[in-house]
Amino acid sequence: MVPHVAAEDALLGGLDTEERVLAVTAVPDEKRGERLIVLHTADSGGAEKLQQILQVSDLPNLWRPSPKSFYEVADLPVLATGKLDLGAVRKLAADLDTDSRP
């Protein structure tokens, strides 16, 4: 099990924004059990910028999403309370990630 929050914190810490521009979740993976997925908005600066942030972070390699695991979305799903909808984030990641489909 990879701590999604650690990867998310490393990415958000490298961005110069207070806004919620990304979410880290996991999808099933045959070899590892699960694989991290990063959903990000255009305001994040893009997948390349996020990958550069991870390269200089002190996260172990196992906790770093692979370059093909970044997906840009128009908006992150939120609940009526304004909090991130984790269930919808997981479903969106599974729908976008072709490698996690049976």
PDB file of N, CA and C in Angstrom:
ATOM      1  N   MET A   1       0.832  -1.181   0.000  1.00  0.00           N
ATOM      2  CA  MET A   1       0.000   0.000   0.000  1.00  0.00           C
ATOM      3  C   MET A   1       0.881   1.250   0.000  1.00  0.00           C
ATOM      4  N   VAL A   2       0.634   2.097  -0.947  1.00  0.00           N
ATOM      5  CA  VAL A   2       1.387   3.342  -1.067  1.00  0.00           C
ATOM      6  C   VAL A   2       0.555   4.464  -0.456  1.00  0.00           C
ATOM      7  N   PRO A   3       1.149   5.286   0.395  1.00  0.00           N
ATOM      8  CA  PRO A   3       0.388   6.393   0.978  1.00  0.00           C
ATOM      9  C   PRO A   3       0.132   7.494  -0.058  1.00  0.00           C
ATOM     10  N   HIS A   4      -1.103   7.564  -0.523  1.00  0.00           N
ATOM     11  CA  HIS A   4      -1.469   8.552  -1.541  1.00  0.00           C
ATOM     12  C   HIS A   4      -1.211   9.965  -1.051  1.00  0.00           C
ATOM     13  N   VAL A   5      -1.448  10.183   0.221  1.00  0.00           N
ATOM     14  CA  VAL A   5      -1.291  11.526   0.787  1.00  0.00           C
ATOM     15  C   VAL A   5       0.159  11.992   0.684  1.00  0.00           C
ATOM     16  N   ALA A   6       1.120  11.096   0.851  1.00  0.00           N
ATOM     17  CA  ALA A   6       2.531  11.486   0.756  1.00  0.00           C
ATOM     18  C   ALA A   6       2.859  11.977  -0.648  1.00  0.00           C
ATOM     19  N   ALA A   7       2.393  11.260  -1.659  1.00  0.00           N
ATOM     20  CA  ALA A   7       2.639  11.684  -3.044  1.00  0.00           C
ATOM     21  C   ALA A   7       1.907  12.991  -3.336  1.00  0.00           C
ATOM     22  N   GLU A   8       0.684  13.086  -2.854  1.00  0.00           N
ATOM     23  CA  GLU A   8      -0.098  14.304  -3.083  1.00  0.00           C
ATOM     24  C   GLU A   8       0.540  15.505  -2.393  1.00  0.00           C
ATOM     25  N   ASP A   9       0.985  15.325  -1.164  1.00  0.00           N
ATOM     26  CA  ASP A   9       1.643  16.411  -0.432  1.00  0.00           C
ATOM     27  C   ASP A   9       2.927  16.864  -1.121  1.00  0.00           C
ATOM     28  N   ALA A  10       3.706  15.922  -1.642  1.00  0.00           N
ATOM     29  CA  ALA A  10       4.939  16.277  -2.346  1.00  0.00           C
ATOM     30  C   ALA A  10       4.631  17.107  -3.591  1.00  0.00           C
ATOM     31  N   LEU A  11       3.598  16.718  -4.317  1.00  0.00           N
ATOM     32  CA  LEU A  11       3.232  17.453  -5.526  1.00  0.00           C
ATOM     33  C   LEU A  11       2.686  18.838  -5.189  1.00  0.00           C
ATOM     34  N   LEU A  12       1.764  18.894  -4.234  1.00  0.00           N
ATOM     35  CA  LEU A  12       1.189  20.189  -3.862  1.00  0.00           C
ATOM     36  C   LEU A  12       2.237  21.115  -3.256  1.00  0.00           C
ATOM     37  N   GLY A  13       3.194  20.543  -2.521  1.00  0.00           N
ATOM     38  CA  GLY A  13       4.255  21.348  -1.928  1.00  0.00           C
ATOM     39  C   GLY A  13       5.160  21.991  -2.974  1.00  0.00           C
ATOM     40  N   GLY A  14       5.278  21.358  -4.141  1.00  0.00           N
ATOM     41  CA  GLY A  14       6.112  21.896  -5.205  1.00  0.00           C
ATOM     42  C   GLY A  14       5.422  22.925  -6.079  1.00  0.00           C
ATOM     43  N   LEU A  15       4.122  23.057  -5.914  1.00  0.00           N
ATOM     44  CA  LEU A  15       3.361  24.031  -6.697  1.00  0.00           C
ATOM     45  C   LEU A  15       3.178  25.312  -5.899  1.00  0.00           C
ATOM     46  N   ASP A  16       3.106  26.399  -6.609  1.00  0.00           N
ATOM     47  CA  ASP A  16       2.920  27.695  -5.953  1.00  0.00           C
ATOM     48  C   ASP A  16       1.448  28.080  -6.012  1.00  0.00           C
ATOM     49  N   THR A  17       0.609  27.278  -5.349  1.00  0.00           N
ATOM     50  CA  THR A  17      -0.827  27.547  -5.359  1.00  0.00           C
ATOM     51  C   THR A  17      -1.461  27.019  -4.088  1.00  0.00           C
ATOM     52  N   GLU A  18      -2.527  27.642  -3.692  1.00  0.00           N
ATOM     53  CA  GLU A  18      -3.301  27.202  -2.530  1.00  0.00           C
ATOM     54  C   GLU A  18      -4.537  26.431  -2.991  1.00  0.00           C
ATOM     55  N   GLU A  19      -4.798  26.406  -4.301  1.00  0.00           N
ATOM     56  CA  GLU A  19      -5.983  25.764  -4.848  1.00  0.00           C
ATOM     57  C   GLU A  19      -5.796  24.259  -4.958  1.00  0.00           C
ATOM     58  N   ARG A  20      -6.909  23.545  -4.948  1.00  0.00           N
ATOM     59  CA  ARG A  20      -6.903  22.094  -5.155  1.00  0.00           C
ATOM     60  C   ARG A  20      -6.812  21.864  -6.656  1.00  0.00           C
ATOM     61  N   VAL A  21      -5.620  21.547  -7.155  1.00  0.00           N
ATOM     62  CA  VAL A  21      -5.417  21.370  -8.590  1.00  0.00           C
ATOM     63  C   VAL A  21      -5.069  19.936  -8.957  1.00  0.00           C
ATOM     64  N   LEU A  22      -4.990  19.044  -7.952  1.00  0.00           N
ATOM     65  CA  LEU A  22      -4.675  17.656  -8.244  1.00  0.00           C
ATOM     66  C   LEU A  22      -5.184  16.753  -7.140  1.00  0.00           C
ATOM     67  N   ALA A  23      -5.285  15.482  -7.489  1.00  0.00           N
ATOM     68  CA  ALA A  23      -5.646  14.445  -6.528  1.00  0.00           C
ATOM     69  C   ALA A  23      -4.883  13.185  -6.900  1.00  0.00           C
ATOM     70  N   VAL A  24      -4.408  12.476  -5.898  1.00  0.00           N
ATOM     71  CA  VAL A  24      -3.700  11.221  -6.115  1.00  0.00           C
ATOM     72  C   VAL A  24      -4.573  10.093  -5.592  1.00  0.00           C
ATOM     73  N   THR A  25      -4.733   9.067  -6.403  1.00  0.00           N
ATOM     74  CA  THR A  25      -5.500   7.884  -6.015  1.00  0.00           C
ATOM     75  C   THR A  25      -4.790   6.662  -6.586  1.00  0.00           C
ATOM     76  N   ALA A  26      -5.406   5.509  -6.462  1.00  0.00           N
ATOM     77  CA  ALA A  26      -4.789   4.284  -6.970  1.00  0.00           C
ATOM     78  C   ALA A  26      -5.805   3.470  -7.747  1.00  0.00           C
ATOM     79  N   VAL A  27      -5.275   2.706  -8.693  1.00  0.00           N
ATOM     80  CA  VAL A  27      -6.081   1.752  -9.452  1.00  0.00           C
ATOM     81  C   VAL A  27      -5.427   0.382  -9.298  1.00  0.00           C
ATOM     82  N   PRO A  28      -6.188  -0.681  -9.513  1.00  0.00           N
ATOM     83  CA  PRO A  28      -5.612  -2.026  -9.405  1.00  0.00           C
ATOM     84  C   PRO A  28      -4.479  -2.238 -10.415  1.00  0.00           C
ATOM     85  N   ASP A  29      -3.482  -2.997  -9.996  1.00  0.00           N
ATOM     86  CA  ASP A  29      -2.356  -3.333 -10.861  1.00  0.00           C
ATOM     87  C   ASP A  29      -2.037  -4.813 -10.654  1.00  0.00           C
ATOM     88  N   GLU A  30      -1.934  -5.577 -11.741  1.00  0.00           N
ATOM     89  CA  GLU A  30      -1.684  -7.013 -11.634  1.00  0.00           C
ATOM     90  C   GLU A  30      -0.380  -7.343 -10.927  1.00  0.00           C
ATOM     91  N   LYS A  31       0.664  -6.601 -11.208  1.00  0.00           N
ATOM     92  CA  LYS A  31       1.986  -6.917 -10.669  1.00  0.00           C
ATOM     93  C   LYS A  31       2.201  -6.402  -9.258  1.00  0.00           C
ATOM     94  N   ARG A  32       1.724  -5.192  -8.976  1.00  0.00           N
ATOM     95  CA  ARG A  32       2.029  -4.547  -7.698  1.00  0.00           C
ATOM     96  C   ARG A  32       0.848  -4.489  -6.725  1.00  0.00           C
ATOM     97  N   GLY A  33      -0.314  -4.855  -7.185  1.00  0.00           N
ATOM     98  CA  GLY A  33      -1.493  -4.743  -6.342  1.00  0.00           C
ATOM     99  C   GLY A  33      -2.249  -3.455  -6.615  1.00  0.00           C
ATOM    100  N   GLU A  34      -1.522  -2.333  -6.618  1.00  0.00           N
ATOM    101  CA  GLU A  34      -2.127  -1.057  -6.972  1.00  0.00           C
ATOM    102  C   GLU A  34      -1.080  -0.146  -7.584  1.00  0.00           C
ATOM    103  N   ARG A  35      -1.561   0.834  -8.346  1.00  0.00           N
ATOM    104  CA  ARG A  35      -0.678   1.792  -9.017  1.00  0.00           C
ATOM    105  C   ARG A  35      -1.253   3.176  -8.824  1.00  0.00           C
ATOM    106  N   LEU A  36      -0.386   4.131  -8.507  1.00  0.00           N
ATOM    107  CA  LEU A  36      -0.835   5.498  -8.278  1.00  0.00           C
ATOM    108  C   LEU A  36      -1.220   6.191  -9.578  1.00  0.00           C
ATOM    109  N   ILE A  37      -2.267   6.995  -9.493  1.00  0.00           N
ATOM    110  CA  ILE A  37      -2.755   7.810 -10.605  1.00  0.00           C
ATOM    111  C   ILE A  37      -2.875   9.243 -10.094  1.00  0.00           C
ATOM    112  N   VAL A  38      -2.452  10.204 -10.917  1.00  0.00           N
ATOM    113  CA  VAL A  38      -2.584  11.617 -10.574  1.00  0.00           C
ATOM    114  C   VAL A  38      -3.573  12.255 -11.541  1.00  0.00           C
ATOM    115  N   LEU A  39      -4.669  12.757 -10.986  1.00  0.00           N
ATOM    116  CA  LEU A  39      -5.613  13.549 -11.766  1.00  0.00           C
ATOM    117  C   LEU A  39      -5.283  15.006 -11.490  1.00  0.00           C
ATOM    118  N   HIS A  40      -5.107  15.792 -12.536  1.00  0.00           N
ATOM    119  CA  HIS A  40      -4.720  17.192 -12.340  1.00  0.00           C
ATOM    120  C   HIS A  40      -5.474  18.082 -13.305  1.00  0.00           C
ATOM    121  N   THR A  41      -5.669  19.318 -12.898  1.00  0.00           N
ATOM    122  CA  THR A  41      -6.326  20.296 -13.753  1.00  0.00           C
ATOM    123  C   THR A  41      -5.261  21.077 -14.525  1.00  0.00           C
ATOM    124  N   ALA A  42      -5.689  21.876 -15.469  1.00  0.00           N
ATOM    125  CA  ALA A  42      -4.757  22.692 -16.251  1.00  0.00           C
ATOM    126  C   ALA A  42      -4.003  23.677 -15.362  1.00  0.00           C
ATOM    127  N   ASP A  43      -4.621  24.080 -14.255  1.00  0.00           N
ATOM    128  CA  ASP A  43      -3.977  25.024 -13.338  1.00  0.00           C
ATOM    129  C   ASP A  43      -2.775  24.439 -12.605  1.00  0.00           C
ATOM    130  N   SER A  44      -2.556  23.136 -12.727  1.00  0.00           N
ATOM    131  CA  SER A  44      -1.423  22.491 -12.059  1.00  0.00           C
ATOM    132  C   SER A  44      -0.102  22.755 -12.781  1.00  0.00           C
ATOM    133  N   GLY A  45      -0.173  23.218 -14.008  1.00  0.00           N
ATOM    134  CA  GLY A  45       1.041  23.420 -14.784  1.00  0.00           C
ATOM    135  C   GLY A  45       1.342  22.266 -15.719  1.00  0.00           C
ATOM    136  N   GLY A  46       0.581  21.198 -15.634  1.00  0.00           N
ATOM    137  CA  GLY A  46       0.732  20.071 -16.544  1.00  0.00           C
ATOM    138  C   GLY A  46       1.520  18.914 -15.972  1.00  0.00           C
ATOM    139  N   ALA A  47       1.416  17.790 -16.646  1.00  0.00           N
ATOM    140  CA  ALA A  47       2.046  16.548 -16.201  1.00  0.00           C
ATOM    141  C   ALA A  47       3.569  16.670 -16.126  1.00  0.00           C
ATOM    142  N   GLU A  48       4.170  17.339 -17.091  1.00  0.00           N
ATOM    143  CA  GLU A  48       5.633  17.464 -17.085  1.00  0.00           C
ATOM    144  C   GLU A  48       6.116  18.214 -15.852  1.00  0.00           C
ATOM    145  N   LYS A  49       5.448  19.286 -15.504  1.00  0.00           N
ATOM    146  CA  LYS A  49       5.831  20.045 -14.314  1.00  0.00           C
ATOM    147  C   LYS A  49       5.684  19.191 -13.064  1.00  0.00           C
ATOM    148  N   LEU A  50       4.589  18.454 -12.969  1.00  0.00           N
ATOM    149  CA  LEU A  50       4.368  17.595 -11.807  1.00  0.00           C
ATOM    150  C   LEU A  50       5.429  16.499 -11.721  1.00  0.00           C
ATOM    151  N   GLN A  51       5.806  15.939 -12.850  1.00  0.00           N
ATOM    152  CA  GLN A  51       6.850  14.913 -12.864  1.00  0.00           C
ATOM    153  C   GLN A  51       8.197  15.494 -12.435  1.00  0.00           C
ATOM    154  N   GLN A  52       8.481  16.729 -12.836  1.00  0.00           N
ATOM    155  CA  GLN A  52       9.726  17.380 -12.406  1.00  0.00           C
ATOM    156  C   GLN A  52       9.741  17.582 -10.897  1.00  0.00           C
ATOM    157  N   ILE A  53       8.598  17.940 -10.325  1.00  0.00           N
ATOM    158  CA  ILE A  53       8.501  18.106  -8.877  1.00  0.00           C
ATOM    159  C   ILE A  53       8.823  16.789  -8.181  1.00  0.00           C
ATOM    160  N   LEU A  54       8.300  15.698  -8.702  1.00  0.00           N
ATOM    161  CA  LEU A  54       8.560  14.391  -8.094  1.00  0.00           C
ATOM    162  C   LEU A  54      10.026  13.982  -8.210  1.00  0.00           C
ATOM    163  N   GLN A  55      10.678  14.365  -9.304  1.00  0.00           N
ATOM    164  CA  GLN A  55      12.087  14.001  -9.499  1.00  0.00           C
ATOM    165  C   GLN A  55      12.984  14.595  -8.420  1.00  0.00           C
ATOM    166  N   VAL A  56      12.639  15.773  -7.935  1.00  0.00           N
ATOM    167  CA  VAL A  56      13.474  16.416  -6.921  1.00  0.00           C
ATOM    168  C   VAL A  56      12.944  16.193  -5.502  1.00  0.00           C
ATOM    169  N   SER A  57      11.829  15.462  -5.392  1.00  0.00           N
ATOM    170  CA  SER A  57      11.276  15.200  -4.063  1.00  0.00           C
ATOM    171  C   SER A  57      12.061  14.071  -3.393  1.00  0.00           C
ATOM    172  N   ASP A  58      11.849  13.920  -2.103  1.00  0.00           N
ATOM    173  CA  ASP A  58      12.529  12.851  -1.374  1.00  0.00           C
ATOM    174  C   ASP A  58      11.657  11.605  -1.229  1.00  0.00           C
ATOM    175  N   LEU A  59      10.625  11.492  -2.056  1.00  0.00           N
ATOM    176  CA  LEU A  59       9.768  10.310  -2.027  1.00  0.00           C
ATOM    177  C   LEU A  59      10.525   9.091  -2.548  1.00  0.00           C
ATOM    178  N   PRO A  60      10.315   7.938  -1.940  1.00  0.00           N
ATOM    179  CA  PRO A  60      10.903   6.710  -2.497  1.00  0.00           C
ATOM    180  C   PRO A  60      10.312   6.436  -3.884  1.00  0.00           C
ATOM    181  N   ASN A  61      11.059   5.775  -4.729  1.00  0.00           N
ATOM    182  CA  ASN A  61      10.593   5.495  -6.089  1.00  0.00           C
ATOM    183  C   ASN A  61       9.262   4.762  -6.115  1.00  0.00           C
ATOM    184  N   LEU A  62       9.044   3.872  -5.167  1.00  0.00           N
ATOM    185  CA  LEU A  62       7.799   3.116  -5.107  1.00  0.00           C
ATOM    186  C   LEU A  62       6.592   4.028  -4.929  1.00  0.00           C
ATOM    187  N   TRP A  63       6.778   5.169  -4.311  1.00  0.00           N
ATOM    188  CA  TRP A  63       5.684   6.096  -4.034  1.00  0.00           C
ATOM    189  C   TRP A  63       5.495   7.127  -5.144  1.00  0.00           C
ATOM    190  N   ARG A  64       6.275   7.060  -6.209  1.00  0.00           N
ATOM    191  CA  ARG A  64       6.177   8.022  -7.298  1.00  0.00           C
ATOM    192  C   ARG A  64       5.356   7.447  -8.447  1.00  0.00           C
ATOM    193  N   PRO A  65       4.316   8.159  -8.863  1.00  0.00           N
ATOM    194  CA  PRO A  65       3.527   7.684 -10.004  1.00  0.00           C
ATOM    195  C   PRO A  65       4.395   7.658 -11.272  1.00  0.00           C
ATOM    196  N   SER A  66       4.138   6.683 -12.133  1.00  0.00           N
ATOM    197  CA  SER A  66       4.890   6.586 -13.384  1.00  0.00           C
ATOM    198  C   SER A  66       4.459   7.726 -14.314  1.00  0.00           C
ATOM    199  N   PRO A  67       5.309   8.077 -15.271  1.00  0.00           N
ATOM    200  CA  PRO A  67       4.970   9.174 -16.194  1.00  0.00           C
ATOM    201  C   PRO A  67       3.662   8.969 -16.945  1.00  0.00           C
ATOM    202  N   LYS A  68       3.256   7.729 -17.189  1.00  0.00           N
ATOM    203  CA  LYS A  68       2.005   7.497 -17.920  1.00  0.00           C
ATOM    204  C   LYS A  68       0.785   7.488 -17.000  1.00  0.00           C
ATOM    205  N   SER A  69       0.959   7.840 -15.746  1.00  0.00           N
ATOM    206  CA  SER A  69      -0.120   7.803 -14.762  1.00  0.00           C
ATOM    207  C   SER A  69      -0.672   9.184 -14.413  1.00  0.00           C
ATOM    208  N   PHE A  70      -0.460  10.157 -15.281  1.00  0.00           N
ATOM    209  CA  PHE A  70      -0.942  11.523 -15.062  1.00  0.00           C
ATOM    210  C   PHE A  70      -2.036  11.817 -16.080  1.00  0.00           C
ATOM    211  N   TYR A  71      -3.187  12.263 -15.590  1.00  0.00           N
ATOM    212  CA  TYR A  71      -4.319  12.546 -16.468  1.00  0.00           C
ATOM    213  C   TYR A  71      -4.874  13.930 -16.156  1.00  0.00           C
ATOM    214  N   GLU A  72      -4.979  14.745 -17.193  1.00  0.00           N
ATOM    215  CA  GLU A  72      -5.563  16.073 -17.006  1.00  0.00           C
ATOM    216  C   GLU A  72      -7.083  15.970 -17.095  1.00  0.00           C
ATOM    217  N   VAL A  73      -7.753  16.603 -16.151  1.00  0.00           N
ATOM    218  CA  VAL A  73      -9.213  16.635 -16.114  1.00  0.00           C
ATOM    219  C   VAL A  73      -9.667  18.089 -16.047  1.00  0.00           C
ATOM    220  N   ALA A  74     -10.877  18.340 -16.502  1.00  0.00           N
ATOM    221  CA  ALA A  74     -11.401  19.711 -16.477  1.00  0.00           C
ATOM    222  C   ALA A  74     -11.565  20.187 -15.040  1.00  0.00           C
ATOM    223  N   ASP A  75     -12.145  19.349 -14.202  1.00  0.00           N
ATOM    224  CA  ASP A  75     -12.370  19.676 -12.799  1.00  0.00           C
ATOM    225  C   ASP A  75     -12.225  18.414 -11.969  1.00  0.00           C
ATOM    226  N   LEU A  76     -11.831  18.581 -10.727  1.00  0.00           N
ATOM    227  CA  LEU A  76     -11.799  17.464  -9.787  1.00  0.00           C
ATOM    228  C   LEU A  76     -13.181  17.328  -9.156  1.00  0.00           C
ATOM    229  N   PRO A  77     -13.663  16.091  -8.982  1.00  0.00           N
ATOM    230  CA  PRO A  77     -14.984  15.913  -8.387  1.00  0.00           C
ATOM    231  C   PRO A  77     -14.999  16.317  -6.914  1.00  0.00           C
ATOM    232  N   VAL A  78     -15.994  17.104  -6.538  1.00  0.00           N
ATOM    233  CA  VAL A  78     -16.132  17.533  -5.144  1.00  0.00           C
ATOM    234  C   VAL A  78     -17.548  17.241  -4.660  1.00  0.00           C
ATOM    235  N   LEU A  79     -17.669  17.085  -3.349  1.00  0.00           N
ATOM    236  CA  LEU A  79     -18.964  16.886  -2.712  1.00  0.00           C
ATOM    237  C   LEU A  79     -19.657  18.226  -2.520  1.00  0.00           C
ATOM    238  N   ALA A  80     -20.891  18.193  -2.112  1.00  0.00           N
ATOM    239  CA  ALA A  80     -21.644  19.426  -1.849  1.00  0.00           C
ATOM    240  C   ALA A  80     -20.985  20.259  -0.762  1.00  0.00           C
ATOM    241  N   THR A  81     -20.225  19.610   0.120  1.00  0.00           N
ATOM    242  CA  THR A  81     -19.524  20.321   1.192  1.00  0.00           C
ATOM    243  C   THR A  81     -18.277  21.039   0.700  1.00  0.00           C
ATOM    244  N   GLY A  82     -17.885  20.760  -0.563  1.00  0.00           N
ATOM    245  CA  GLY A  82     -16.682  21.371  -1.108  1.00  0.00           C
ATOM    246  C   GLY A  82     -15.446  20.494  -0.952  1.00  0.00           C
ATOM    247  N   LYS A  83     -15.592  19.371  -0.240  1.00  0.00           N
ATOM    248  CA  LYS A  83     -14.460  18.453  -0.076  1.00  0.00           C
ATOM    249  C   LYS A  83     -14.334  17.567  -1.307  1.00  0.00           C
ATOM    250  N   LEU A  84     -13.132  17.061  -1.520  1.00  0.00           N
ATOM    251  CA  LEU A  84     -12.864  16.173  -2.636  1.00  0.00           C
ATOM    252  C   LEU A  84     -13.698  14.908  -2.508  1.00  0.00           C
ATOM    253  N   ASP A  85     -14.337  14.497  -3.589  1.00  0.00           N
ATOM    254  CA  ASP A  85     -15.134  13.267  -3.609  1.00  0.00           C
ATOM    255  C   ASP A  85     -14.206  12.105  -3.964  1.00  0.00           C
ATOM    256  N   LEU A  86     -13.695  11.423  -2.945  1.00  0.00           N
ATOM    257  CA  LEU A  86     -12.688  10.384  -3.147  1.00  0.00           C
ATOM    258  C   LEU A  86     -13.210   9.213  -3.974  1.00  0.00           C
ATOM    259  N   GLY A  87     -14.470   8.845  -3.778  1.00  0.00           N
ATOM    260  CA  GLY A  87     -15.054   7.763  -4.571  1.00  0.00           C
ATOM    261  C   GLY A  87     -15.117   8.127  -6.044  1.00  0.00           C
ATOM    262  N   ALA A  88     -15.528   9.331  -6.338  1.00  0.00           N
ATOM    263  CA  ALA A  88     -15.605   9.791  -7.727  1.00  0.00           C
ATOM    264  C   ALA A  88     -14.207   9.940  -8.329  1.00  0.00           C
ATOM    265  N   VAL A  89     -13.241  10.335  -7.519  1.00  0.00           N
ATOM    266  CA  VAL A  89     -11.856  10.440  -7.996  1.00  0.00           C
ATOM    267  C   VAL A  89     -11.354   9.055  -8.406  1.00  0.00           C
ATOM    268  N   ARG A  90     -11.595   8.047  -7.564  1.00  0.00           N
ATOM    269  CA  ARG A  90     -11.167   6.672  -7.869  1.00  0.00           C
ATOM    270  C   ARG A  90     -11.834   6.166  -9.145  1.00  0.00           C
ATOM    271  N   LYS A  91     -13.131   6.413  -9.284  1.00  0.00           N
ATOM    272  CA  LYS A  91     -13.844   5.948 -10.473  1.00  0.00           C
ATOM    273  C   LYS A  91     -13.334   6.656 -11.726  1.00  0.00           C
ATOM    274  N   LEU A  92     -13.126   7.955 -11.643  1.00  0.00           N
ATOM    275  CA  LEU A  92     -12.614   8.708 -12.780  1.00  0.00           C
ATOM    276  C   LEU A  92     -11.232   8.206 -13.189  1.00  0.00           C
ATOM    277  N   ALA A  93     -10.378   7.948 -12.209  1.00  0.00           N
ATOM    278  CA  ALA A  93      -9.038   7.430 -12.500  1.00  0.00           C
ATOM    279  C   ALA A  93      -9.116   6.073 -13.186  1.00  0.00           C
ATOM    280  N   ALA A  94      -9.992   5.191 -12.712  1.00  0.00           N
ATOM    281  CA  ALA A  94     -10.146   3.868 -13.328  1.00  0.00           C
ATOM    282  C   ALA A  94     -10.685   3.982 -14.749  1.00  0.00           C
ATOM    283  N   ASP A  95     -11.594   4.921 -14.964  1.00  0.00           N
ATOM    284  CA  ASP A  95     -12.150   5.117 -16.307  1.00  0.00           C
ATOM    285  C   ASP A  95     -11.112   5.655 -17.272  1.00  0.00           C
ATOM    286  N   LEU A  96     -10.236   6.526 -16.809  1.00  0.00           N
ATOM    287  CA  LEU A  96      -9.223   7.135 -17.674  1.00  0.00           C
ATOM    288  C   LEU A  96      -8.036   6.224 -17.928  1.00  0.00           C
ATOM    289  N   ASP A  97      -7.703   5.392 -16.967  1.00  0.00           N
ATOM    290  CA  ASP A  97      -6.500   4.562 -17.052  1.00  0.00           C
ATOM    291  C   ASP A  97      -6.796   3.248 -17.784  1.00  0.00           C
ATOM    292  N   THR A  98      -6.351   3.135 -19.005  1.00  0.00           N
ATOM    293  CA  THR A  98      -6.628   1.941 -19.805  1.00  0.00           C
ATOM    294  C   THR A  98      -5.898   0.713 -19.268  1.00  0.00           C
ATOM    295  N   ASP A  99      -4.781   0.877 -18.574  1.00  0.00           N
ATOM    296  CA  ASP A  99      -4.034  -0.263 -18.052  1.00  0.00           C
ATOM    297  C   ASP A  99      -4.738  -0.946 -16.890  1.00  0.00           C
ATOM    298  N   SER A 100      -5.668  -0.276 -16.230  1.00  0.00           N
ATOM    299  CA  SER A 100      -6.351  -0.864 -15.087  1.00  0.00           C
ATOM    300  C   SER A 100      -7.632  -1.591 -15.484  1.00  0.00           C
ATOM    301  N   ARG A 101      -7.980  -1.513 -16.748  1.00  0.00           N
ATOM    302  CA  ARG A 101      -9.212  -2.181 -17.205  1.00  0.00           C
ATOM    303  C   ARG A 101      -8.950  -3.650 -17.450  1.00  0.00           C
ATOM    304  N   PRO A 102      -9.953  -4.490 -17.134  1.00  0.00           N
ATOM    305  CA  PRO A 102      -9.809  -5.938 -17.385  1.00  0.00           C
ATOM    306  C   PRO A 102      -9.813  -6.278 -18.850  1.00  0.00           C
TER     307      PRO A 102
END
